[in-house]
């Protein structure tokens, strides 16, 4: 009788602790960032007003971020960003780091980065869907295989890669940020549009997951032969 009670208590503590972490982590990170920015930007208030005034540096930083976003959304800003991108991809040493960063960066609505598109793929049973991210660029000559990163909840930094046929993928109309919220919340937040994108009962059966595993094996074998 004691064991079920202890097991329930452990499960309750785990759920409550995880919920507390998810609730306080954004607040703690925000407070830390504000503290760090304030500590390192007091020079702005000293330079502008000849004395240290709290949060002037934070205000300047927020204004700079806003202006950067404003610039990036204008035609002139896009031209400038393309010019900077072209320069950085030609600078030795920096080029490799910059290209690697672009390939993993979260770029909503763009074509760069693994996290640029949200995708739903068959799970191992073929009866459910797994959420993942892909650049949308085919990895084979035929153009029908996509590399999909499947994050583990609630830590999207850890995950696995699957090579999936493009016709087995569903691309819901949600942003990468929304999909990351689903992962970080461990399913506590799920937009309706994501559920609507999944085939319901009475719809055609989901493709078997064996096809995904076979594709992974085939690509691995081809790489070994090379």
N, C-alpha and C. Protein backbone atom coordinates (compact mmCIF):
# COMPACT_ATOMS: atom_id res chain seq x y z
N UNK A 1 0.83 -1.21 0.00
CA UNK A 1 0.00 0.00 0.00
C UNK A 1 0.86 1.26 0.00
N UNK A 2 2.03 1.12 0.67
CA UNK A 2 2.93 2.28 0.76
C UNK A 2 3.53 2.64 -0.60
N UNK A 3 3.86 1.59 -1.38
CA UNK A 3 4.54 1.84 -2.65
C UNK A 3 3.70 2.68 -3.62
N UNK A 4 2.39 2.36 -3.82
CA UNK A 4 1.59 3.22 -4.70
C UNK A 4 1.55 4.66 -4.22
N UNK A 5 1.45 4.85 -2.89
CA UNK A 5 1.40 6.22 -2.35
C UNK A 5 2.72 6.94 -2.63
N UNK A 6 3.84 6.25 -2.43
CA UNK A 6 5.15 6.86 -2.70
C UNK A 6 5.31 7.16 -4.18
N UNK A 7 4.85 6.22 -5.04
CA UNK A 7 4.94 6.42 -6.48
C UNK A 7 4.11 7.63 -6.91
N UNK A 8 2.89 7.76 -6.34
CA UNK A 8 2.04 8.91 -6.66
C UNK A 8 2.67 10.21 -6.18
N UNK A 9 3.30 10.15 -4.98
CA UNK A 9 3.96 11.34 -4.45
C UNK A 9 5.13 11.75 -5.33
N UNK A 10 5.93 10.77 -5.77
CA UNK A 10 7.06 11.05 -6.66
C UNK A 10 6.58 11.66 -7.97
N UNK A 11 5.51 11.08 -8.53
CA UNK A 11 4.97 11.60 -9.79
C UNK A 11 4.46 13.02 -9.61
N UNK A 12 3.77 13.26 -8.49
CA UNK A 12 3.26 14.61 -8.20
C UNK A 12 4.40 15.61 -8.06
N UNK A 13 5.45 15.23 -7.35
CA UNK A 13 6.60 16.12 -7.15
C UNK A 13 7.28 16.42 -8.47
N UNK A 14 7.44 15.38 -9.32
CA UNK A 14 8.08 15.59 -10.62
C UNK A 14 7.28 16.57 -11.47
N UNK A 15 5.95 16.33 -11.55
CA UNK A 15 5.10 17.20 -12.37
C UNK A 15 5.11 18.63 -11.85
N UNK A 16 4.99 18.76 -10.52
CA UNK A 16 4.94 20.10 -9.93
C UNK A 16 6.27 20.82 -10.09
N UNK A 17 7.37 20.11 -9.89
CA UNK A 17 8.69 20.73 -10.03
C UNK A 17 8.92 21.17 -11.47
N UNK A 18 8.56 20.29 -12.43
CA UNK A 18 8.73 20.65 -13.84
C UNK A 18 7.87 21.85 -14.21
N UNK A 19 6.62 21.87 -13.70
CA UNK A 19 5.75 23.01 -13.97
C UNK A 19 6.34 24.29 -13.39
N UNK A 20 6.94 24.17 -12.19
CA UNK A 20 7.58 25.34 -11.58
C UNK A 20 8.77 25.83 -12.39
N UNK A 21 9.57 24.89 -12.90
CA UNK A 21 10.72 25.26 -13.72
C UNK A 21 10.26 25.98 -14.98
N UNK A 22 9.24 25.41 -15.65
CA UNK A 22 8.74 26.02 -16.89
C UNK A 22 8.12 27.39 -16.63
N UNK A 23 7.52 27.57 -15.44
CA UNK A 23 6.89 28.85 -15.12
C UNK A 23 7.91 29.92 -14.75
N UNK A 24 8.96 29.52 -14.02
CA UNK A 24 9.92 30.51 -13.51
C UNK A 24 11.11 30.74 -14.44
N UNK A 25 11.41 29.77 -15.31
CA UNK A 25 12.59 29.91 -16.17
C UNK A 25 12.53 31.17 -17.04
N UNK A 26 11.42 31.45 -17.75
CA UNK A 26 11.38 32.68 -18.56
C UNK A 26 11.57 33.94 -17.73
N UNK A 27 10.97 33.95 -16.52
CA UNK A 27 11.10 35.13 -15.65
C UNK A 27 12.55 35.28 -15.19
N UNK A 28 13.16 34.17 -14.76
CA UNK A 28 14.54 34.21 -14.29
C UNK A 28 15.49 34.64 -15.40
N UNK A 29 15.28 34.11 -16.60
CA UNK A 29 16.14 34.48 -17.73
C UNK A 29 15.99 35.96 -18.06
N UNK A 30 14.74 36.44 -18.04
CA UNK A 30 14.49 37.87 -18.33
C UNK A 30 15.16 38.76 -17.31
N UNK A 31 15.02 38.40 -16.02
CA UNK A 31 15.64 39.20 -14.95
C UNK A 31 17.16 39.20 -15.11
N UNK A 32 17.73 38.02 -15.42
CA UNK A 32 19.19 37.94 -15.59
C UNK A 32 19.66 38.80 -16.76
N UNK A 33 18.94 38.74 -17.87
CA UNK A 33 19.32 39.53 -19.05
C UNK A 33 19.26 41.02 -18.73
N UNK A 34 18.17 41.46 -18.05
CA UNK A 34 18.05 42.87 -17.68
C UNK A 34 19.19 43.29 -16.75
N UNK A 35 19.50 42.44 -15.78
CA UNK A 35 20.59 42.73 -14.85
C UNK A 35 21.92 42.84 -15.59
N UNK A 36 22.17 41.87 -16.51
CA UNK A 36 23.44 41.86 -17.25
C UNK A 36 23.55 43.08 -18.16
N UNK A 37 22.46 43.41 -18.85
CA UNK A 37 22.47 44.58 -19.73
C UNK A 37 22.66 45.86 -18.92
N UNK A 38 21.93 45.97 -17.81
CA UNK A 38 22.04 47.16 -16.97
C UNK A 38 23.47 47.32 -16.43
N UNK A 39 24.06 46.22 -16.00
CA UNK A 39 25.42 46.27 -15.43
C UNK A 39 26.44 46.69 -16.46
N UNK A 40 26.25 46.25 -17.71
CA UNK A 40 27.25 46.50 -18.74
C UNK A 40 26.95 47.72 -19.61
N UNK A 41 25.86 48.42 -19.32
CA UNK A 41 25.53 49.59 -20.14
C UNK A 41 25.41 50.86 -19.30
N UNK A 42 25.88 50.83 -18.07
CA UNK A 42 25.86 52.05 -17.26
C UNK A 42 26.71 53.15 -17.87
N UNK A 43 27.64 52.74 -18.73
CA UNK A 43 28.50 53.73 -19.39
C UNK A 43 27.68 54.67 -20.27
N UNK A 44 26.52 54.18 -20.80
CA UNK A 44 25.70 55.03 -21.65
C UNK A 44 25.15 56.21 -20.86
N UNK A 45 24.63 55.94 -19.66
CA UNK A 45 24.09 57.03 -18.86
C UNK A 45 25.20 57.98 -18.40
N UNK A 46 26.38 57.42 -18.11
CA UNK A 46 27.51 58.27 -17.71
C UNK A 46 27.94 59.17 -18.86
N UNK A 47 27.88 58.62 -20.08
CA UNK A 47 28.30 59.39 -21.26
C UNK A 47 27.25 60.43 -21.64
N UNK A 48 25.97 60.05 -21.52
CA UNK A 48 24.90 60.94 -21.96
C UNK A 48 24.55 62.01 -20.92
N UNK A 49 24.54 61.63 -19.63
CA UNK A 49 24.08 62.53 -18.59
C UNK A 49 25.16 62.85 -17.55
N UNK A 50 26.36 62.32 -17.78
CA UNK A 50 27.49 62.54 -16.89
C UNK A 50 27.23 62.02 -15.48
N UNK A 51 26.34 61.09 -15.38
CA UNK A 51 26.11 60.39 -14.11
C UNK A 51 25.38 59.08 -14.43
N UNK A 52 25.45 58.14 -13.49
CA UNK A 52 24.82 56.84 -13.71
C UNK A 52 23.35 56.89 -13.33
N UNK A 53 22.49 56.64 -14.33
CA UNK A 53 21.05 56.61 -14.12
C UNK A 53 20.57 55.19 -14.40
N UNK A 54 19.88 54.55 -13.47
CA UNK A 54 19.44 53.16 -13.67
C UNK A 54 18.55 52.98 -14.89
N UNK A 55 18.79 51.88 -15.60
CA UNK A 55 17.96 51.40 -16.71
C UNK A 55 18.02 52.25 -17.98
N UNK A 56 18.89 53.23 -18.01
CA UNK A 56 19.07 53.98 -19.26
C UNK A 56 19.67 53.05 -20.33
N UNK A 57 20.65 52.25 -19.91
CA UNK A 57 21.27 51.31 -20.85
C UNK A 57 20.28 50.28 -21.36
N UNK A 58 19.36 49.84 -20.49
CA UNK A 58 18.33 48.88 -20.92
C UNK A 58 17.43 49.52 -21.97
N UNK A 59 17.04 50.78 -21.74
CA UNK A 59 16.19 51.48 -22.69
C UNK A 59 16.89 51.66 -24.02
N UNK A 60 18.18 52.01 -23.97
CA UNK A 60 18.95 52.16 -25.21
C UNK A 60 19.05 50.83 -25.95
N UNK A 61 19.25 49.74 -25.21
CA UNK A 61 19.35 48.42 -25.83
C UNK A 61 18.04 48.03 -26.49
N UNK A 62 16.92 48.28 -25.82
CA UNK A 62 15.61 47.96 -26.39
C UNK A 62 15.35 48.79 -27.65
N UNK A 63 15.75 50.06 -27.60
CA UNK A 63 15.58 50.92 -28.77
C UNK A 63 16.43 50.42 -29.94
N UNK A 64 17.65 49.96 -29.63
CA UNK A 64 18.53 49.44 -30.68
C UNK A 64 17.96 48.17 -31.31
N UNK A 65 17.38 47.29 -30.46
CA UNK A 65 16.77 46.07 -30.97
C UNK A 65 15.56 46.41 -31.86
N UNK A 66 14.75 47.37 -31.42
CA UNK A 66 13.58 47.79 -32.20
C UNK A 66 14.00 48.36 -33.55
N UNK A 67 15.00 49.23 -33.53
CA UNK A 67 15.47 49.83 -34.78
C UNK A 67 16.07 48.78 -35.71
N UNK A 68 16.76 47.78 -35.14
CA UNK A 68 17.31 46.70 -35.95
C UNK A 68 16.19 45.92 -36.63
N UNK A 69 15.13 45.61 -35.86
CA UNK A 69 13.99 44.91 -36.45
C UNK A 69 13.29 45.75 -37.50
N UNK A 70 13.17 47.05 -37.24
CA UNK A 70 12.56 47.96 -38.21
C UNK A 70 13.39 48.00 -39.49
N UNK A 71 14.70 48.04 -39.34
CA UNK A 71 15.58 48.06 -40.50
C UNK A 71 15.48 46.76 -41.29
N UNK A 72 15.41 45.63 -40.56
CA UNK A 72 15.37 44.32 -41.23
C UNK A 72 14.09 44.10 -42.01
N UNK A 73 13.00 44.80 -41.64
CA UNK A 73 11.72 44.60 -42.32
C UNK A 73 11.51 45.56 -43.49
N UNK A 74 12.44 46.47 -43.72
CA UNK A 74 12.33 47.38 -44.85
C UNK A 74 13.15 46.88 -46.02
N UNK A 75 12.84 47.38 -47.18
CA UNK A 75 13.57 46.98 -48.39
C UNK A 75 15.05 47.32 -48.27
N UNK A 76 15.34 48.54 -47.78
CA UNK A 76 16.74 48.95 -47.60
C UNK A 76 17.43 48.04 -46.60
N UNK A 77 16.71 47.69 -45.51
CA UNK A 77 17.30 46.81 -44.50
C UNK A 77 17.64 45.45 -45.05
N UNK A 78 16.75 44.90 -45.89
CA UNK A 78 17.03 43.59 -46.49
C UNK A 78 18.24 43.64 -47.40
N UNK A 79 18.38 44.75 -48.12
CA UNK A 79 19.56 44.91 -48.99
C UNK A 79 20.83 44.96 -48.16
N UNK A 80 20.77 45.72 -47.04
CA UNK A 80 21.94 45.82 -46.15
C UNK A 80 22.28 44.47 -45.55
N UNK A 81 21.26 43.71 -45.10
CA UNK A 81 21.49 42.40 -44.51
C UNK A 81 22.09 41.43 -45.52
N UNK A 82 21.60 41.50 -46.77
CA UNK A 82 22.18 40.64 -47.82
C UNK A 82 23.63 41.01 -48.08
N UNK A 83 23.94 42.30 -48.02
CA UNK A 83 25.31 42.75 -48.23
C UNK A 83 26.21 42.25 -47.10
N UNK A 84 25.73 42.37 -45.86
CA UNK A 84 26.49 41.87 -44.71
C UNK A 84 26.68 40.36 -44.81
N UNK A 85 25.62 39.66 -45.21
CA UNK A 85 25.70 38.21 -45.37
C UNK A 85 26.73 37.84 -46.42
N UNK A 86 26.75 38.57 -47.52
CA UNK A 86 27.70 38.30 -48.59
C UNK A 86 29.14 38.52 -48.13
N UNK A 87 29.35 39.57 -47.31
CA UNK A 87 30.69 39.86 -46.81
C UNK A 87 31.15 38.78 -45.83
N UNK A 88 30.27 38.41 -44.89
CA UNK A 88 30.64 37.44 -43.87
C UNK A 88 30.92 36.06 -44.45
N UNK A 89 30.27 35.70 -45.54
CA UNK A 89 30.51 34.39 -46.15
C UNK A 89 31.80 34.36 -46.96
N UNK A 90 32.51 35.50 -47.04
CA UNK A 90 33.78 35.55 -47.77
C UNK A 90 34.99 35.79 -46.87
N UNK A 91 34.74 36.07 -45.60
CA UNK A 91 35.84 36.35 -44.67
C UNK A 91 36.41 35.03 -44.15
N UNK A 92 37.72 34.80 -44.31
CA UNK A 92 38.32 33.56 -43.80
C UNK A 92 38.12 33.44 -42.29
N UNK A 93 38.02 32.21 -41.80
CA UNK A 93 37.82 31.89 -40.39
C UNK A 93 36.38 32.18 -39.96
N UNK A 94 35.94 33.43 -40.18
CA UNK A 94 34.58 33.79 -39.79
C UNK A 94 33.56 33.06 -40.67
N UNK A 95 33.93 32.82 -41.92
CA UNK A 95 33.02 32.21 -42.88
C UNK A 95 32.46 30.88 -42.38
N UNK A 96 33.34 30.00 -41.88
CA UNK A 96 32.91 28.67 -41.43
C UNK A 96 31.96 28.76 -40.25
N UNK A 97 32.29 29.64 -39.30
CA UNK A 97 31.45 29.80 -38.11
C UNK A 97 30.10 30.40 -38.50
N UNK A 98 30.12 31.39 -39.38
CA UNK A 98 28.88 32.08 -39.77
C UNK A 98 27.95 31.14 -40.54
N UNK A 99 28.50 30.37 -41.46
CA UNK A 99 27.68 29.43 -42.24
C UNK A 99 27.10 28.35 -41.34
N UNK A 100 27.91 27.85 -40.39
CA UNK A 100 27.40 26.84 -39.46
C UNK A 100 26.27 27.41 -38.60
N UNK A 101 26.44 28.66 -38.18
CA UNK A 101 25.39 29.30 -37.38
C UNK A 101 24.12 29.46 -38.19
N UNK A 102 24.24 29.86 -39.45
CA UNK A 102 23.07 30.03 -40.30
C UNK A 102 22.30 28.73 -40.48
N UNK A 103 23.03 27.63 -40.56
CA UNK A 103 22.40 26.34 -40.82
C UNK A 103 21.61 25.83 -39.62
N UNK A 104 21.94 26.28 -38.41
CA UNK A 104 21.21 25.81 -37.24
C UNK A 104 20.35 26.90 -36.63
N UNK A 105 20.45 28.11 -37.17
CA UNK A 105 19.73 29.24 -36.57
C UNK A 105 18.24 29.13 -36.80
N UNK A 106 17.48 29.68 -35.85
CA UNK A 106 16.04 29.76 -36.00
C UNK A 106 15.72 30.96 -36.86
N UNK A 107 15.23 30.72 -38.09
CA UNK A 107 14.96 31.80 -39.03
C UNK A 107 13.53 31.66 -39.52
N UNK A 108 12.53 32.10 -38.73
CA UNK A 108 11.13 31.94 -39.10
C UNK A 108 10.84 32.56 -40.45
N UNK A 109 10.13 31.79 -41.27
CA UNK A 109 9.72 32.30 -42.57
C UNK A 109 10.83 32.37 -43.58
N UNK A 110 12.02 31.94 -43.25
CA UNK A 110 13.13 32.02 -44.18
C UNK A 110 13.42 30.67 -44.79
N UNK A 111 14.56 30.58 -45.45
CA UNK A 111 14.94 29.32 -46.09
C UNK A 111 16.17 28.74 -45.43
N UNK A 112 16.79 29.48 -44.51
CA UNK A 112 17.99 28.99 -43.83
C UNK A 112 17.61 28.30 -42.53
N UNK A 113 18.42 27.36 -42.11
CA UNK A 113 18.27 26.80 -40.79
C UNK A 113 17.35 25.60 -40.69
N UNK A 114 17.74 24.69 -39.82
CA UNK A 114 16.94 23.49 -39.59
C UNK A 114 15.58 23.83 -39.01
N UNK A 115 15.48 24.94 -38.26
CA UNK A 115 14.24 25.29 -37.59
C UNK A 115 13.34 26.21 -38.42
N UNK A 116 13.57 26.29 -39.71
CA UNK A 116 12.81 27.25 -40.51
C UNK A 116 11.40 26.76 -40.84
N UNK A 117 11.16 25.43 -40.82
CA UNK A 117 9.82 24.90 -41.13
C UNK A 117 9.42 23.87 -40.08
N UNK A 118 8.14 23.86 -39.76
CA UNK A 118 7.57 22.88 -38.83
C UNK A 118 6.98 21.73 -39.64
N UNK A 119 7.18 20.51 -39.17
CA UNK A 119 6.71 19.34 -39.92
C UNK A 119 6.18 18.29 -38.95
N UNK A 120 5.20 17.53 -39.39
CA UNK A 120 4.68 16.39 -38.65
C UNK A 120 4.98 15.13 -39.45
N UNK A 121 5.65 14.16 -38.81
CA UNK A 121 6.02 12.92 -39.50
C UNK A 121 5.46 11.72 -38.74
N UNK A 122 5.31 10.56 -39.39
CA UNK A 122 4.79 9.37 -38.69
C UNK A 122 5.74 8.93 -37.59
N UNK A 123 5.16 8.46 -36.47
CA UNK A 123 6.01 7.92 -35.41
C UNK A 123 6.35 6.46 -35.72
N UNK A 124 6.96 5.77 -34.78
CA UNK A 124 7.42 4.40 -35.03
C UNK A 124 6.27 3.43 -35.26
N UNK A 125 5.10 3.72 -34.70
CA UNK A 125 3.96 2.82 -34.87
C UNK A 125 3.19 3.10 -36.15
N UNK A 126 3.32 4.31 -36.67
CA UNK A 126 2.56 4.69 -37.85
C UNK A 126 1.14 5.13 -37.54
N UNK A 127 0.77 5.17 -36.24
CA UNK A 127 -0.58 5.55 -35.84
C UNK A 127 -0.64 6.94 -35.24
N UNK A 128 0.46 7.63 -35.15
CA UNK A 128 0.48 8.97 -34.58
C UNK A 128 1.51 9.81 -35.33
N UNK A 129 1.55 11.08 -34.98
CA UNK A 129 2.49 12.00 -35.63
C UNK A 129 3.46 12.58 -34.61
N UNK A 130 4.67 12.83 -35.07
CA UNK A 130 5.71 13.44 -34.24
C UNK A 130 6.05 14.80 -34.82
N UNK A 131 6.18 15.80 -33.96
CA UNK A 131 6.50 17.15 -34.42
C UNK A 131 8.00 17.28 -34.60
N UNK A 132 8.41 17.95 -35.65
CA UNK A 132 9.82 18.14 -35.94
C UNK A 132 10.05 19.42 -36.72
N UNK A 133 11.31 19.64 -37.07
CA UNK A 133 11.70 20.84 -37.81
C UNK A 133 12.59 20.44 -38.98
N UNK A 134 12.48 21.17 -40.06
CA UNK A 134 13.30 20.89 -41.23
C UNK A 134 13.56 22.17 -42.00
N UNK A 135 14.64 22.18 -42.74
CA UNK A 135 14.93 23.33 -43.60
C UNK A 135 14.07 23.30 -44.85
N UNK A 136 13.50 22.12 -45.16
CA UNK A 136 12.69 21.99 -46.37
C UNK A 136 13.49 21.71 -47.61
N UNK A 137 14.82 21.65 -47.46
CA UNK A 137 15.67 21.38 -48.63
C UNK A 137 15.93 19.88 -48.73
N UNK A 138 15.66 19.25 -49.89
CA UNK A 138 15.91 17.82 -50.05
C UNK A 138 17.39 17.49 -49.89
N UNK A 139 17.66 16.30 -49.38
CA UNK A 139 19.05 15.88 -49.14
C UNK A 139 19.52 14.87 -50.19
N UNK A 140 18.65 14.52 -51.14
CA UNK A 140 19.05 13.57 -52.17
C UNK A 140 18.84 14.17 -53.55
N UNK A 141 19.42 13.54 -54.55
CA UNK A 141 19.37 14.05 -55.92
C UNK A 141 17.94 14.05 -56.46
N UNK A 142 17.14 13.05 -56.06
CA UNK A 142 15.77 12.96 -56.56
C UNK A 142 14.87 14.05 -55.98
N UNK A 143 15.30 14.65 -54.87
CA UNK A 143 14.55 15.75 -54.28
C UNK A 143 13.31 15.33 -53.51
N UNK A 144 13.28 14.07 -53.00
CA UNK A 144 12.09 13.62 -52.29
C UNK A 144 12.36 13.16 -50.86
N UNK A 145 13.56 13.42 -50.34
CA UNK A 145 13.91 13.04 -48.98
C UNK A 145 14.30 14.30 -48.19
N UNK A 146 13.69 14.46 -47.01
CA UNK A 146 13.99 15.60 -46.15
C UNK A 146 14.66 15.13 -44.87
N UNK A 147 15.57 15.94 -44.36
CA UNK A 147 16.18 15.69 -43.06
C UNK A 147 15.36 16.43 -42.02
N UNK A 148 14.82 15.69 -41.04
CA UNK A 148 13.94 16.26 -40.02
C UNK A 148 14.57 16.11 -38.65
N UNK A 149 14.64 17.21 -37.92
CA UNK A 149 15.13 17.18 -36.54
C UNK A 149 13.93 17.05 -35.61
N UNK A 150 13.94 16.01 -34.77
CA UNK A 150 12.86 15.76 -33.82
C UNK A 150 13.35 16.11 -32.42
N UNK A 151 12.86 17.20 -31.83
CA UNK A 151 13.32 17.61 -30.49
C UNK A 151 12.68 16.77 -29.40
N UNK A 152 13.40 16.61 -28.30
CA UNK A 152 12.86 15.94 -27.12
C UNK A 152 12.28 16.99 -26.18
N UNK A 153 11.07 16.75 -25.67
CA UNK A 153 10.45 17.67 -24.72
C UNK A 153 10.94 17.35 -23.30
N UNK A 154 11.15 18.38 -22.45
CA UNK A 154 10.96 19.80 -22.72
C UNK A 154 12.24 20.50 -23.16
N UNK A 155 13.27 19.74 -23.55
CA UNK A 155 14.55 20.33 -23.92
C UNK A 155 14.78 20.16 -25.42
N UNK A 156 14.44 21.15 -26.24
CA UNK A 156 14.56 21.01 -27.69
C UNK A 156 15.99 20.95 -28.19
N UNK A 157 16.97 21.22 -27.30
CA UNK A 157 18.36 21.14 -27.73
C UNK A 157 18.76 19.68 -27.98
N UNK A 158 18.14 18.75 -27.23
CA UNK A 158 18.39 17.33 -27.44
C UNK A 158 17.32 16.78 -28.38
N UNK A 159 17.72 15.86 -29.24
CA UNK A 159 16.77 15.29 -30.18
C UNK A 159 17.43 14.26 -31.07
N UNK A 160 16.77 13.94 -32.17
CA UNK A 160 17.32 12.97 -33.12
C UNK A 160 16.99 13.42 -34.54
N UNK A 161 17.71 12.85 -35.50
CA UNK A 161 17.50 13.16 -36.91
C UNK A 161 16.83 11.98 -37.60
N UNK A 162 15.88 12.28 -38.47
CA UNK A 162 15.25 11.26 -39.30
C UNK A 162 15.24 11.75 -40.74
N UNK A 163 15.40 10.81 -41.67
CA UNK A 163 15.34 11.12 -43.09
C UNK A 163 14.02 10.56 -43.61
N UNK A 164 13.13 11.47 -44.00
CA UNK A 164 11.74 11.10 -44.28
C UNK A 164 11.36 11.49 -45.71
N UNK A 165 10.58 10.63 -46.35
CA UNK A 165 10.07 10.96 -47.67
C UNK A 165 9.16 12.18 -47.58
N UNK A 166 9.30 13.10 -48.52
CA UNK A 166 8.56 14.36 -48.46
C UNK A 166 7.05 14.13 -48.49
N UNK A 167 6.58 13.09 -49.20
CA UNK A 167 5.15 12.86 -49.27
C UNK A 167 4.58 12.27 -47.99
N UNK A 168 5.43 11.90 -47.03
CA UNK A 168 4.98 11.41 -45.73
C UNK A 168 4.87 12.55 -44.72
N UNK A 169 5.28 13.75 -45.11
CA UNK A 169 5.34 14.89 -44.19
C UNK A 169 4.10 15.75 -44.30
N UNK A 170 3.67 16.28 -43.18
CA UNK A 170 2.61 17.29 -43.13
C UNK A 170 3.22 18.58 -42.62
N UNK A 171 2.98 19.69 -43.31
CA UNK A 171 3.52 20.98 -42.93
C UNK A 171 2.39 21.86 -42.38
N UNK A 172 2.19 21.86 -41.06
CA UNK A 172 1.12 22.70 -40.48
C UNK A 172 1.46 24.18 -40.62
N UNK A 173 0.42 24.98 -40.68
CA UNK A 173 0.61 26.41 -40.88
C UNK A 173 0.83 27.11 -39.54
N UNK A 174 1.95 26.77 -38.88
CA UNK A 174 2.31 27.44 -37.64
C UNK A 174 3.79 27.84 -37.71
N UNK A 175 4.15 28.83 -36.93
CA UNK A 175 5.52 29.32 -36.94
C UNK A 175 6.42 28.41 -36.10
N UNK A 176 7.73 28.42 -36.34
CA UNK A 176 8.66 27.65 -35.50
C UNK A 176 8.57 28.05 -34.03
N UNK A 177 8.31 29.32 -33.75
CA UNK A 177 8.19 29.75 -32.35
C UNK A 177 7.02 29.06 -31.66
N UNK A 178 5.88 28.96 -32.37
CA UNK A 178 4.72 28.29 -31.80
C UNK A 178 5.01 26.82 -31.55
N UNK A 179 5.70 26.18 -32.49
CA UNK A 179 6.03 24.77 -32.33
C UNK A 179 6.98 24.56 -31.15
N UNK A 180 7.93 25.48 -30.97
CA UNK A 180 8.84 25.37 -29.83
C UNK A 180 8.10 25.55 -28.50
N UNK A 181 7.07 26.37 -28.49
CA UNK A 181 6.26 26.52 -27.28
C UNK A 181 5.60 25.19 -26.91
N UNK A 182 5.15 24.45 -27.93
CA UNK A 182 4.53 23.15 -27.69
C UNK A 182 5.53 22.20 -27.03
N UNK A 183 6.77 22.20 -27.55
CA UNK A 183 7.81 21.32 -27.02
C UNK A 183 8.19 21.74 -25.61
N UNK A 184 8.41 23.03 -25.40
CA UNK A 184 8.84 23.53 -24.09
C UNK A 184 7.78 23.34 -23.02
N UNK A 185 6.51 23.39 -23.41
CA UNK A 185 5.41 23.25 -22.45
C UNK A 185 5.04 21.79 -22.22
N UNK A 186 5.74 20.88 -22.88
CA UNK A 186 5.45 19.43 -22.83
C UNK A 186 3.99 19.14 -23.15
N UNK A 187 3.46 19.88 -24.11
CA UNK A 187 2.10 19.63 -24.57
C UNK A 187 1.02 20.38 -23.83
N UNK A 188 1.38 21.19 -22.84
CA UNK A 188 0.38 21.99 -22.12
C UNK A 188 -0.18 23.10 -23.02
N UNK A 189 0.63 23.49 -24.01
CA UNK A 189 0.16 24.48 -24.98
C UNK A 189 0.20 23.85 -26.37
N UNK A 190 -0.96 23.69 -26.99
CA UNK A 190 -1.04 23.14 -28.34
C UNK A 190 -2.05 23.96 -29.13
N UNK A 191 -1.59 24.72 -30.13
CA UNK A 191 -2.55 25.50 -30.93
C UNK A 191 -3.48 24.59 -31.71
N UNK A 192 -4.72 25.02 -31.87
CA UNK A 192 -5.73 24.20 -32.54
C UNK A 192 -5.33 23.86 -33.97
N UNK A 193 -4.62 24.78 -34.63
CA UNK A 193 -4.25 24.56 -36.02
C UNK A 193 -3.31 23.36 -36.17
N UNK A 194 -2.55 23.07 -35.10
CA UNK A 194 -1.65 21.92 -35.13
C UNK A 194 -2.45 20.62 -35.06
N UNK A 195 -3.45 20.58 -34.20
CA UNK A 195 -4.29 19.39 -34.12
C UNK A 195 -5.11 19.18 -35.38
N UNK A 196 -5.57 20.28 -35.98
CA UNK A 196 -6.37 20.17 -37.20
C UNK A 196 -5.56 19.63 -38.38
N UNK A 197 -4.24 19.78 -38.32
CA UNK A 197 -3.39 19.32 -39.42
C UNK A 197 -3.19 17.82 -39.41
N UNK A 198 -3.51 17.17 -38.27
CA UNK A 198 -3.30 15.72 -38.15
C UNK A 198 -4.53 14.99 -38.66
N UNK A 199 -4.36 13.95 -39.49
CA UNK A 199 -5.52 13.18 -39.97
C UNK A 199 -6.32 12.61 -38.82
N UNK A 200 -7.66 12.74 -38.91
CA UNK A 200 -8.53 12.25 -37.84
C UNK A 200 -9.07 10.87 -38.18
N UNK A 201 -9.83 10.31 -37.24
CA UNK A 201 -10.44 9.00 -37.48
C UNK A 201 -11.34 9.08 -38.70
N UNK A 202 -11.25 8.08 -39.55
CA UNK A 202 -12.01 8.07 -40.79
C UNK A 202 -11.22 8.61 -41.95
N UNK A 203 -10.08 9.30 -41.65
CA UNK A 203 -9.20 9.78 -42.71
C UNK A 203 -8.32 8.63 -43.16
N UNK A 204 -7.64 8.78 -44.29
CA UNK A 204 -6.71 7.73 -44.73
C UNK A 204 -5.70 7.42 -43.66
N UNK A 205 -5.33 6.16 -43.53
CA UNK A 205 -4.40 5.74 -42.49
C UNK A 205 -3.06 6.42 -42.65
N UNK A 206 -2.40 6.65 -41.52
CA UNK A 206 -1.07 7.25 -41.56
C UNK A 206 -0.09 6.27 -42.20
N UNK A 207 0.89 6.77 -42.93
CA UNK A 207 1.87 5.88 -43.53
C UNK A 207 2.66 5.13 -42.48
N UNK A 208 3.03 3.92 -42.79
CA UNK A 208 3.76 3.09 -41.83
C UNK A 208 5.11 3.69 -41.53
N UNK A 209 5.51 3.59 -40.26
CA UNK A 209 6.80 4.15 -39.86
C UNK A 209 7.94 3.33 -40.42
N UNK A 210 7.67 2.08 -40.83
CA UNK A 210 8.72 1.25 -41.41
C UNK A 210 9.35 1.90 -42.62
N UNK A 211 8.55 2.69 -43.35
CA UNK A 211 9.10 3.37 -44.52
C UNK A 211 10.16 4.37 -44.12
N UNK A 212 9.92 5.06 -42.98
CA UNK A 212 10.91 6.02 -42.51
C UNK A 212 12.19 5.31 -42.10
N UNK A 213 12.07 4.19 -41.35
CA UNK A 213 13.25 3.46 -40.91
C UNK A 213 14.02 2.91 -42.10
N UNK A 214 13.29 2.46 -43.13
CA UNK A 214 13.95 1.91 -44.31
C UNK A 214 14.74 2.99 -45.04
N UNK A 215 14.17 4.19 -45.10
CA UNK A 215 14.87 5.31 -45.75
C UNK A 215 16.14 5.63 -44.98
N UNK A 216 16.05 5.64 -43.64
CA UNK A 216 17.23 5.93 -42.83
C UNK A 216 18.32 4.91 -43.10
N UNK A 217 17.94 3.62 -43.18
CA UNK A 217 18.90 2.56 -43.41
C UNK A 217 19.52 2.67 -44.80
N UNK A 218 18.67 3.01 -45.78
CA UNK A 218 19.17 3.12 -47.15
C UNK A 218 20.18 4.25 -47.27
N UNK A 219 19.90 5.39 -46.69
CA UNK A 219 20.80 6.53 -46.77
C UNK A 219 22.10 6.23 -46.03
N UNK A 220 22.00 5.58 -44.88
CA UNK A 220 23.20 5.23 -44.13
C UNK A 220 24.08 4.29 -44.94
N UNK A 221 23.46 3.30 -45.60
CA UNK A 221 24.22 2.35 -46.41
C UNK A 221 24.88 3.05 -47.57
N UNK A 222 24.13 4.00 -48.22
CA UNK A 222 24.72 4.72 -49.35
C UNK A 222 25.92 5.52 -48.92
N UNK A 223 25.82 6.17 -47.72
CA UNK A 223 26.95 6.94 -47.23
C UNK A 223 28.16 6.05 -46.94
N UNK A 224 27.90 4.85 -46.42
CA UNK A 224 29.00 3.94 -46.13
C UNK A 224 29.69 3.49 -47.41
N UNK A 225 28.89 3.33 -48.47
CA UNK A 225 29.50 2.89 -49.73
C UNK A 225 30.40 3.96 -50.33
N UNK A 226 29.96 5.23 -50.08
CA UNK A 226 30.82 6.32 -50.58
C UNK A 226 32.17 6.32 -49.87
